[in-house]
Amino acid sequence: MADDLTAAVRAYEEARAALTGAQAEADRIVAEAKDEIATARSRLAEAIVEAARSGTRQVDIVRATGYTRERIRQILRAGGVEAD
């Protein structure tokens, strides 16, 4: 009986340790994904500003990105592009 109890305790402790390790790995993966999203969002904003500066109409940028016209306007203003 003592061997069963010892084995059960060991299995439980190993499972808890595995959970802690898995949680740390999950946190790392989520943080990495958030960083990638932030980088991609910045690149998209830069591309939107560049497209507008090169003459692309806002309506075409809206269609290409799926963003609202207002969101495009906000991005352009932040990028130094003002409405005519």
PDB file of N, CA and C in Angstrom:
ATOM      1  N   MET A   1       0.818  -1.200   0.000  1.00  0.00           N
ATOM      2  CA  MET A   1       0.000   0.000   0.000  1.00  0.00           C
ATOM      3  C   MET A   1       0.859   1.261   0.000  1.00  0.00           C
ATOM      4  N   ALA A   2       1.949   1.252   0.754  1.00  0.00           N
ATOM      5  CA  ALA A   2       2.828   2.416   0.812  1.00  0.00           C
ATOM      6  C   ALA A   2       3.426   2.705  -0.556  1.00  0.00           C
ATOM      7  N   ASP A   3       3.726   1.635  -1.312  1.00  0.00           N
ATOM      8  CA  ASP A   3       4.280   1.835  -2.648  1.00  0.00           C
ATOM      9  C   ASP A   3       3.266   2.507  -3.567  1.00  0.00           C
ATOM     10  N   ASP A   4       2.001   2.115  -3.444  1.00  0.00           N
ATOM     11  CA  ASP A   4       0.950   2.737  -4.257  1.00  0.00           C
ATOM     12  C   ASP A   4       0.800   4.217  -3.916  1.00  0.00           C
ATOM     13  N   LEU A   5       0.841   4.507  -2.614  1.00  0.00           N
ATOM     14  CA  LEU A   5       0.704   5.894  -2.172  1.00  0.00           C
ATOM     15  C   LEU A   5       1.895   6.725  -2.655  1.00  0.00           C
ATOM     16  N   THR A   6       3.074   6.184  -2.513  1.00  0.00           N
ATOM     17  CA  THR A   6       4.282   6.880  -2.959  1.00  0.00           C
ATOM     18  C   THR A   6       4.234   7.131  -4.463  1.00  0.00           C
ATOM     19  N   ALA A   7       3.817   6.139  -5.211  1.00  0.00           N
ATOM     20  CA  ALA A   7       3.718   6.281  -6.665  1.00  0.00           C
ATOM     21  C   ALA A   7       2.664   7.318  -7.037  1.00  0.00           C
ATOM     22  N   ALA A   8       1.550   7.325  -6.328  1.00  0.00           N
ATOM     23  CA  ALA A   8       0.488   8.286  -6.606  1.00  0.00           C
ATOM     24  C   ALA A   8       0.949   9.707  -6.293  1.00  0.00           C
ATOM     25  N   VAL A   9       1.654   9.867  -5.180  1.00  0.00           N
ATOM     26  CA  VAL A   9       2.184  11.184  -4.816  1.00  0.00           C
ATOM     27  C   VAL A   9       3.179  11.652  -5.874  1.00  0.00           C
ATOM     28  N   ARG A  10       4.070  10.772  -6.288  1.00  0.00           N
ATOM     29  CA  ARG A  10       5.071  11.112  -7.300  1.00  0.00           C
ATOM     30  C   ARG A  10       4.385  11.507  -8.617  1.00  0.00           C
ATOM     31  N   ALA A  11       3.387  10.741  -9.015  1.00  0.00           N
ATOM     32  CA  ALA A  11       2.671  11.038 -10.259  1.00  0.00           C
ATOM     33  C   ALA A  11       1.975  12.395 -10.172  1.00  0.00           C
ATOM     34  N   TYR A  12       1.394  12.676  -9.019  1.00  0.00           N
ATOM     35  CA  TYR A  12       0.722  13.957  -8.823  1.00  0.00           C
ATOM     36  C   TYR A  12       1.725  15.109  -8.892  1.00  0.00           C
ATOM     37  N   GLU A  13       2.845  14.971  -8.219  1.00  0.00           N
ATOM     38  CA  GLU A  13       3.865  16.016  -8.227  1.00  0.00           C
ATOM     39  C   GLU A  13       4.429  16.233  -9.630  1.00  0.00           C
ATOM     40  N   GLU A  14       4.624  15.157 -10.365  1.00  0.00           N
ATOM     41  CA  GLU A  14       5.110  15.271 -11.739  1.00  0.00           C
ATOM     42  C   GLU A  14       4.086  15.975 -12.628  1.00  0.00           C
ATOM     43  N   ALA A  15       2.820  15.657 -12.412  1.00  0.00           N
ATOM     44  CA  ALA A  15       1.758  16.297 -13.194  1.00  0.00           C
ATOM     45  C   ALA A  15       1.696  17.792 -12.892  1.00  0.00           C
ATOM     46  N   ARG A  16       1.839  18.161 -11.629  1.00  0.00           N
ATOM     47  CA  ARG A  16       1.842  19.581 -11.261  1.00  0.00           C
ATOM     48  C   ARG A  16       3.043  20.299 -11.856  1.00  0.00           C
ATOM     49  N   ALA A  17       4.196  19.650 -11.820  1.00  0.00           N
ATOM     50  CA  ALA A  17       5.403  20.246 -12.398  1.00  0.00           C
ATOM     51  C   ALA A  17       5.236  20.411 -13.908  1.00  0.00           C
ATOM     52  N   ALA A  18       4.630  19.426 -14.545  1.00  0.00           N
ATOM     53  CA  ALA A  18       4.396  19.505 -15.988  1.00  0.00           C
ATOM     54  C   ALA A  18       3.454  20.662 -16.311  1.00  0.00           C
ATOM     55  N   LEU A  19       2.440  20.856 -15.484  1.00  0.00           N
ATOM     56  CA  LEU A  19       1.515  21.966 -15.695  1.00  0.00           C
ATOM     57  C   LEU A  19       2.241  23.302 -15.583  1.00  0.00           C
ATOM     58  N   THR A  20       3.085  23.431 -14.585  1.00  0.00           N
ATOM     59  CA  THR A  20       3.845  24.665 -14.414  1.00  0.00           C
ATOM     60  C   THR A  20       4.721  24.924 -15.633  1.00  0.00           C
ATOM     61  N   GLY A  21       5.388  23.897 -16.104  1.00  0.00           N
ATOM     62  CA  GLY A  21       6.223  24.037 -17.298  1.00  0.00           C
ATOM     63  C   GLY A  21       5.405  24.367 -18.527  1.00  0.00           C
ATOM     64  N   ALA A  22       4.265  23.713 -18.664  1.00  0.00           N
ATOM     65  CA  ALA A  22       3.397  23.966 -19.815  1.00  0.00           C
ATOM     66  C   ALA A  22       2.850  25.389 -19.775  1.00  0.00           C
ATOM     67  N   GLN A  23       2.507  25.861 -18.581  1.00  0.00           N
ATOM     68  CA  GLN A  23       1.988  27.225 -18.450  1.00  0.00           C
ATOM     69  C   GLN A  23       3.059  28.242 -18.825  1.00  0.00           C
ATOM     70  N   ALA A  24       4.274  28.005 -18.386  1.00  0.00           N
ATOM     71  CA  ALA A  24       5.373  28.909 -18.734  1.00  0.00           C
ATOM     72  C   ALA A  24       5.594  28.924 -20.247  1.00  0.00           C
ATOM     73  N   GLU A  25       5.544  27.759 -20.866  1.00  0.00           N
ATOM     74  CA  GLU A  25       5.709  27.666 -22.318  1.00  0.00           C
ATOM     75  C   GLU A  25       4.553  28.369 -23.037  1.00  0.00           C
ATOM     76  N   ALA A  26       3.339  28.177 -22.535  1.00  0.00           N
ATOM     77  CA  ALA A  26       2.175  28.839 -23.136  1.00  0.00           C
ATOM     78  C   ALA A  26       2.297  30.357 -23.008  1.00  0.00           C
ATOM     79  N   ASP A  27       2.738  30.831 -21.852  1.00  0.00           N
ATOM     80  CA  ASP A  27       2.926  32.270 -21.656  1.00  0.00           C
ATOM     81  C   ASP A  27       3.956  32.823 -22.638  1.00  0.00           C
ATOM     82  N   ARG A  28       5.031  32.075 -22.859  1.00  0.00           N
ATOM     83  CA  ARG A  28       6.070  32.495 -23.799  1.00  0.00           C
ATOM     84  C   ARG A  28       5.512  32.562 -25.222  1.00  0.00           C
ATOM     85  N   ILE A  29       4.737  31.551 -25.597  1.00  0.00           N
ATOM     86  CA  ILE A  29       4.156  31.506 -26.942  1.00  0.00           C
ATOM     87  C   ILE A  29       3.185  32.664 -27.149  1.00  0.00           C
ATOM     88  N   VAL A  30       2.356  32.937 -26.152  1.00  0.00           N
ATOM     89  CA  VAL A  30       1.393  34.039 -26.258  1.00  0.00           C
ATOM     90  C   VAL A  30       2.124  35.377 -26.355  1.00  0.00           C
ATOM     91  N   ALA A  31       3.148  35.568 -25.539  1.00  0.00           N
ATOM     92  CA  ALA A  31       3.912  36.818 -25.587  1.00  0.00           C
ATOM     93  C   ALA A  31       4.571  36.997 -26.951  1.00  0.00           C
ATOM     94  N   GLU A  32       5.114  35.921 -27.488  1.00  0.00           N
ATOM     95  CA  GLU A  32       5.739  35.977 -28.813  1.00  0.00           C
ATOM     96  C   GLU A  32       4.707  36.321 -29.889  1.00  0.00           C
ATOM     97  N   ALA A  33       3.534  35.713 -29.803  1.00  0.00           N
ATOM     98  CA  ALA A  33       2.475  35.993 -30.779  1.00  0.00           C
ATOM     99  C   ALA A  33       2.014  37.448 -30.681  1.00  0.00           C
ATOM    100  N   LYS A  34       1.914  37.972 -29.466  1.00  0.00           N
ATOM    101  CA  LYS A  34       1.522  39.375 -29.295  1.00  0.00           C
ATOM    102  C   LYS A  34       2.565  40.310 -29.894  1.00  0.00           C
ATOM    103  N   ASP A  35       3.836  39.969 -29.713  1.00  0.00           N
ATOM    104  CA  ASP A  35       4.901  40.773 -30.318  1.00  0.00           C
ATOM    105  C   ASP A  35       4.802  40.747 -31.841  1.00  0.00           C
ATOM    106  N   GLU A  36       4.530  39.573 -32.397  1.00  0.00           N
ATOM    107  CA  GLU A  36       4.390  39.446 -33.848  1.00  0.00           C
ATOM    108  C   GLU A  36       3.208  40.261 -34.361  1.00  0.00           C
ATOM    109  N   ILE A  37       2.118  40.268 -33.605  1.00  0.00           N
ATOM    110  CA  ILE A  37       0.946  41.060 -33.991  1.00  0.00           C
ATOM    111  C   ILE A  37       1.292  42.545 -33.981  1.00  0.00           C
ATOM    112  N   ALA A  38       1.975  42.990 -32.941  1.00  0.00           N
ATOM    113  CA  ALA A  38       2.348  44.406 -32.854  1.00  0.00           C
ATOM    114  C   ALA A  38       3.260  44.804 -34.012  1.00  0.00           C
ATOM    115  N   THR A  39       4.204  43.942 -34.339  1.00  0.00           N
ATOM    116  CA  THR A  39       5.111  44.215 -35.457  1.00  0.00           C
ATOM    117  C   THR A  39       4.343  44.269 -36.773  1.00  0.00           C
ATOM    118  N   ALA A  40       3.458  43.302 -36.977  1.00  0.00           N
ATOM    119  CA  ALA A  40       2.668  43.263 -38.214  1.00  0.00           C
ATOM    120  C   ALA A  40       1.741  44.473 -38.304  1.00  0.00           C
ATOM    121  N   ARG A  41       1.172  44.881 -37.179  1.00  0.00           N
ATOM    122  CA  ARG A  41       0.282  46.048 -37.170  1.00  0.00           C
ATOM    123  C   ARG A  41       1.059  47.306 -37.556  1.00  0.00           C
ATOM    124  N   SER A  42       2.262  47.440 -37.033  1.00  0.00           N
ATOM    125  CA  SER A  42       3.098  48.597 -37.380  1.00  0.00           C
ATOM    126  C   SER A  42       3.460  48.590 -38.858  1.00  0.00           C
ATOM    127  N   ARG A  43       3.815  47.419 -39.369  1.00  0.00           N
ATOM    128  CA  ARG A  43       4.145  47.315 -40.792  1.00  0.00           C
ATOM    129  C   ARG A  43       2.935  47.646 -41.655  1.00  0.00           C
ATOM    130  N   LEU A  44       1.755  47.193 -41.229  1.00  0.00           N
ATOM    131  CA  LEU A  44       0.539  47.498 -41.975  1.00  0.00           C
ATOM    132  C   LEU A  44       0.270  48.999 -41.968  1.00  0.00           C
ATOM    133  N   ALA A  45       0.426  49.631 -40.817  1.00  0.00           N
ATOM    134  CA  ALA A  45       0.208  51.079 -40.741  1.00  0.00           C
ATOM    135  C   ALA A  45       1.179  51.812 -41.659  1.00  0.00           C
ATOM    136  N   GLU A  46       2.437  51.385 -41.668  1.00  0.00           N
ATOM    137  CA  GLU A  46       3.424  52.005 -42.559  1.00  0.00           C
ATOM    138  C   GLU A  46       3.029  51.814 -44.025  1.00  0.00           C
ATOM    139  N   ALA A  47       2.546  50.628 -44.352  1.00  0.00           N
ATOM    140  CA  ALA A  47       2.131  50.353 -45.735  1.00  0.00           C
ATOM    141  C   ALA A  47       0.912  51.183 -46.113  1.00  0.00           C
ATOM    142  N   ILE A  48       0.004  51.376 -45.174  1.00  0.00           N
ATOM    143  CA  ILE A  48      -1.183  52.201 -45.429  1.00  0.00           C
ATOM    144  C   ILE A  48      -0.765  53.637 -45.709  1.00  0.00           C
ATOM    145  N   VAL A  49       0.127  54.160 -44.880  1.00  0.00           N
ATOM    146  CA  VAL A  49       0.607  55.532 -45.069  1.00  0.00           C
ATOM    147  C   VAL A  49       1.320  55.661 -46.410  1.00  0.00           C
ATOM    148  N   GLU A  50       2.174  54.713 -46.721  1.00  0.00           N
ATOM    149  CA  GLU A  50       2.902  54.750 -47.997  1.00  0.00           C
ATOM    150  C   GLU A  50       1.938  54.673 -49.178  1.00  0.00           C
ATOM    151  N   ALA A  51       0.932  53.815 -49.074  1.00  0.00           N
ATOM    152  CA  ALA A  51      -0.047  53.702 -50.160  1.00  0.00           C
ATOM    153  C   ALA A  51      -0.773  55.026 -50.367  1.00  0.00           C
ATOM    154  N   ALA A  52      -1.166  55.661 -49.272  1.00  0.00           N
ATOM    155  CA  ALA A  52      -1.867  56.944 -49.387  1.00  0.00           C
ATOM    156  C   ALA A  52      -0.959  58.006 -49.988  1.00  0.00           C
ATOM    157  N   ARG A  53       0.283  58.026 -49.564  1.00  0.00           N
ATOM    158  CA  ARG A  53       1.232  59.016 -50.102  1.00  0.00           C
ATOM    159  C   ARG A  53       1.511  58.796 -51.586  1.00  0.00           C
ATOM    160  N   SER A  54       1.403  57.547 -52.013  1.00  0.00           N
ATOM    161  CA  SER A  54       1.661  57.269 -53.428  1.00  0.00           C
ATOM    162  C   SER A  54       0.404  57.420 -54.284  1.00  0.00           C
ATOM    163  N   GLY A  55      -0.694  57.871 -53.656  1.00  0.00           N
ATOM    164  CA  GLY A  55      -1.879  58.195 -54.435  1.00  0.00           C
ATOM    165  C   GLY A  55      -3.027  57.205 -54.362  1.00  0.00           C
ATOM    166  N   THR A  56      -2.887  56.145 -53.591  1.00  0.00           N
ATOM    167  CA  THR A  56      -3.988  55.190 -53.461  1.00  0.00           C
ATOM    168  C   THR A  56      -5.148  55.856 -52.724  1.00  0.00           C
ATOM    169  N   ARG A  57      -6.332  55.712 -53.253  1.00  0.00           N
ATOM    170  CA  ARG A  57      -7.513  56.318 -52.636  1.00  0.00           C
ATOM    171  C   ARG A  57      -7.853  55.607 -51.329  1.00  0.00           C
ATOM    172  N   GLN A  58      -8.386  56.365 -50.382  1.00  0.00           N
ATOM    173  CA  GLN A  58      -8.762  55.782 -49.094  1.00  0.00           C
ATOM    174  C   GLN A  58      -9.750  54.643 -49.266  1.00  0.00           C
ATOM    175  N   VAL A  59     -10.691  54.797 -50.167  1.00  0.00           N
ATOM    176  CA  VAL A  59     -11.691  53.748 -50.371  1.00  0.00           C
ATOM    177  C   VAL A  59     -11.016  52.443 -50.802  1.00  0.00           C
ATOM    178  N   ASP A  60      -9.958  52.551 -51.589  1.00  0.00           N
ATOM    179  CA  ASP A  60      -9.239  51.348 -52.009  1.00  0.00           C
ATOM    180  C   ASP A  60      -8.440  50.742 -50.853  1.00  0.00           C
ATOM    181  N   ILE A  61      -7.898  51.606 -49.998  1.00  0.00           N
ATOM    182  CA  ILE A  61      -7.192  51.116 -48.810  1.00  0.00           C
ATOM    183  C   ILE A  61      -8.173  50.421 -47.875  1.00  0.00           C
ATOM    184  N   VAL A  62      -9.361  51.004 -47.722  1.00  0.00           N
ATOM    185  CA  VAL A  62     -10.405  50.394 -46.893  1.00  0.00           C
ATOM    186  C   VAL A  62     -10.736  49.002 -47.416  1.00  0.00           C
ATOM    187  N   ARG A  63     -10.927  48.888 -48.707  1.00  0.00           N
ATOM    188  CA  ARG A  63     -11.268  47.585 -49.302  1.00  0.00           C
ATOM    189  C   ARG A  63     -10.148  46.565 -49.100  1.00  0.00           C
ATOM    190  N   ALA A  64      -8.915  47.010 -49.267  1.00  0.00           N
ATOM    191  CA  ALA A  64      -7.777  46.094 -49.169  1.00  0.00           C
ATOM    192  C   ALA A  64      -7.535  45.617 -47.740  1.00  0.00           C
ATOM    193  N   THR A  65      -7.771  46.491 -46.771  1.00  0.00           N
ATOM    194  CA  THR A  65      -7.449  46.151 -45.379  1.00  0.00           C
ATOM    195  C   THR A  65      -8.623  45.609 -44.582  1.00  0.00           C
ATOM    196  N   GLY A  66      -9.829  46.002 -44.967  1.00  0.00           N
ATOM    197  CA  GLY A  66     -10.988  45.633 -44.164  1.00  0.00           C
ATOM    198  C   GLY A  66     -11.215  46.585 -43.001  1.00  0.00           C
ATOM    199  N   TYR A  67     -10.336  47.578 -42.859  1.00  0.00           N
ATOM    200  CA  TYR A  67     -10.511  48.583 -41.816  1.00  0.00           C
ATOM    201  C   TYR A  67     -11.614  49.550 -42.233  1.00  0.00           C
ATOM    202  N   THR A  68     -12.179  50.230 -41.249  1.00  0.00           N
ATOM    203  CA  THR A  68     -13.169  51.261 -41.566  1.00  0.00           C
ATOM    204  C   THR A  68     -12.456  52.497 -42.113  1.00  0.00           C
ATOM    205  N   ARG A  69     -13.222  53.322 -42.773  1.00  0.00           N
ATOM    206  CA  ARG A  69     -12.666  54.574 -43.298  1.00  0.00           C
ATOM    207  C   ARG A  69     -12.119  55.428 -42.155  1.00  0.00           C
ATOM    208  N   GLU A  70     -12.825  55.434 -41.039  1.00  0.00           N
ATOM    209  CA  GLU A  70     -12.370  56.208 -39.878  1.00  0.00           C
ATOM    210  C   GLU A  70     -11.036  55.679 -39.354  1.00  0.00           C
ATOM    211  N   ARG A  71     -10.882  54.365 -39.286  1.00  0.00           N
ATOM    212  CA  ARG A  71      -9.618  53.789 -38.801  1.00  0.00           C
ATOM    213  C   ARG A  71      -8.473  54.124 -39.754  1.00  0.00           C
ATOM    214  N   ILE A  72      -8.735  54.080 -41.037  1.00  0.00           N
ATOM    215  CA  ILE A  72      -7.717  54.457 -42.022  1.00  0.00           C
ATOM    216  C   ILE A  72      -7.334  55.919 -41.819  1.00  0.00           C
ATOM    217  N   ARG A  73      -8.321  56.768 -41.622  1.00  0.00           N
ATOM    218  CA  ARG A  73      -8.059  58.186 -41.388  1.00  0.00           C
ATOM    219  C   ARG A  73      -7.179  58.371 -40.152  1.00  0.00           C
ATOM    220  N   GLN A  74      -7.466  57.643 -39.078  1.00  0.00           N
ATOM    221  CA  GLN A  74      -6.668  57.739 -37.853  1.00  0.00           C
ATOM    222  C   GLN A  74      -5.221  57.314 -38.094  1.00  0.00           C
ATOM    223  N   ILE A  75      -5.052  56.219 -38.813  1.00  0.00           N
ATOM    224  CA  ILE A  75      -3.701  55.724 -39.117  1.00  0.00           C
ATOM    225  C   ILE A  75      -2.951  56.741 -39.964  1.00  0.00           C
ATOM    226  N   LEU A  76      -3.634  57.306 -40.948  1.00  0.00           N
ATOM    227  CA  LEU A  76      -2.988  58.289 -41.814  1.00  0.00           C
ATOM    228  C   LEU A  76      -2.600  59.544 -41.041  1.00  0.00           C
ATOM    229  N   ARG A  77      -3.468  59.999 -40.172  1.00  0.00           N
ATOM    230  CA  ARG A  77      -3.140  61.176 -39.359  1.00  0.00           C
ATOM    231  C   ARG A  77      -1.934  60.892 -38.478  1.00  0.00           C
ATOM    232  N   ALA A  78      -1.906  59.712 -37.865  1.00  0.00           N
ATOM    233  CA  ALA A  78      -0.767  59.339 -37.015  1.00  0.00           C
ATOM    234  C   ALA A  78       0.519  59.264 -37.831  1.00  0.00           C
ATOM    235  N   GLY A  79       0.383  58.936 -39.112  1.00  0.00           N
ATOM    236  CA  GLY A  79       1.533  58.857 -40.005  1.00  0.00           C
ATOM    237  C   GLY A  79       1.874  60.170 -40.684  1.00  0.00           C
ATOM    238  N   GLY A  80       1.172  61.229 -40.306  1.00  0.00           N
ATOM    239  CA  GLY A  80       1.475  62.545 -40.858  1.00  0.00           C
ATOM    240  C   GLY A  80       0.777  62.875 -42.152  1.00  0.00           C
ATOM    241  N   VAL A  81      -0.207  62.081 -42.536  1.00  0.00           N
ATOM    242  CA  VAL A  81      -0.955  62.343 -43.769  1.00  0.00           C
ATOM    243  C   VAL A  81      -2.289  62.961 -43.374  1.00  0.00           C
ATOM    244  N   GLU A  82      -2.497  64.197 -43.804  1.00  0.00           N
ATOM    245  CA  GLU A  82      -3.743  64.900 -43.499  1.00  0.00           C
ATOM    246  C   GLU A  82      -4.650  64.888 -44.716  1.00  0.00           C
ATOM    247  N   ALA A  83      -5.942  65.004 -44.459  1.00  0.00           N
ATOM    248  CA  ALA A  83      -6.917  65.070 -45.558  1.00  0.00           C
ATOM    249  C   ALA A  83      -6.692  66.345 -46.356  1.00  0.00           C
ATOM    250  N   ASP A  84      -6.980  66.251 -47.635  1.00  0.00           N
ATOM    251  CA  ASP A  84      -6.812  67.425 -48.508  1.00  0.00           C
ATOM    252  C   ASP A  84      -7.877  68.451 -48.257  1.00  0.00           C
TER     253      ASP A  84
END
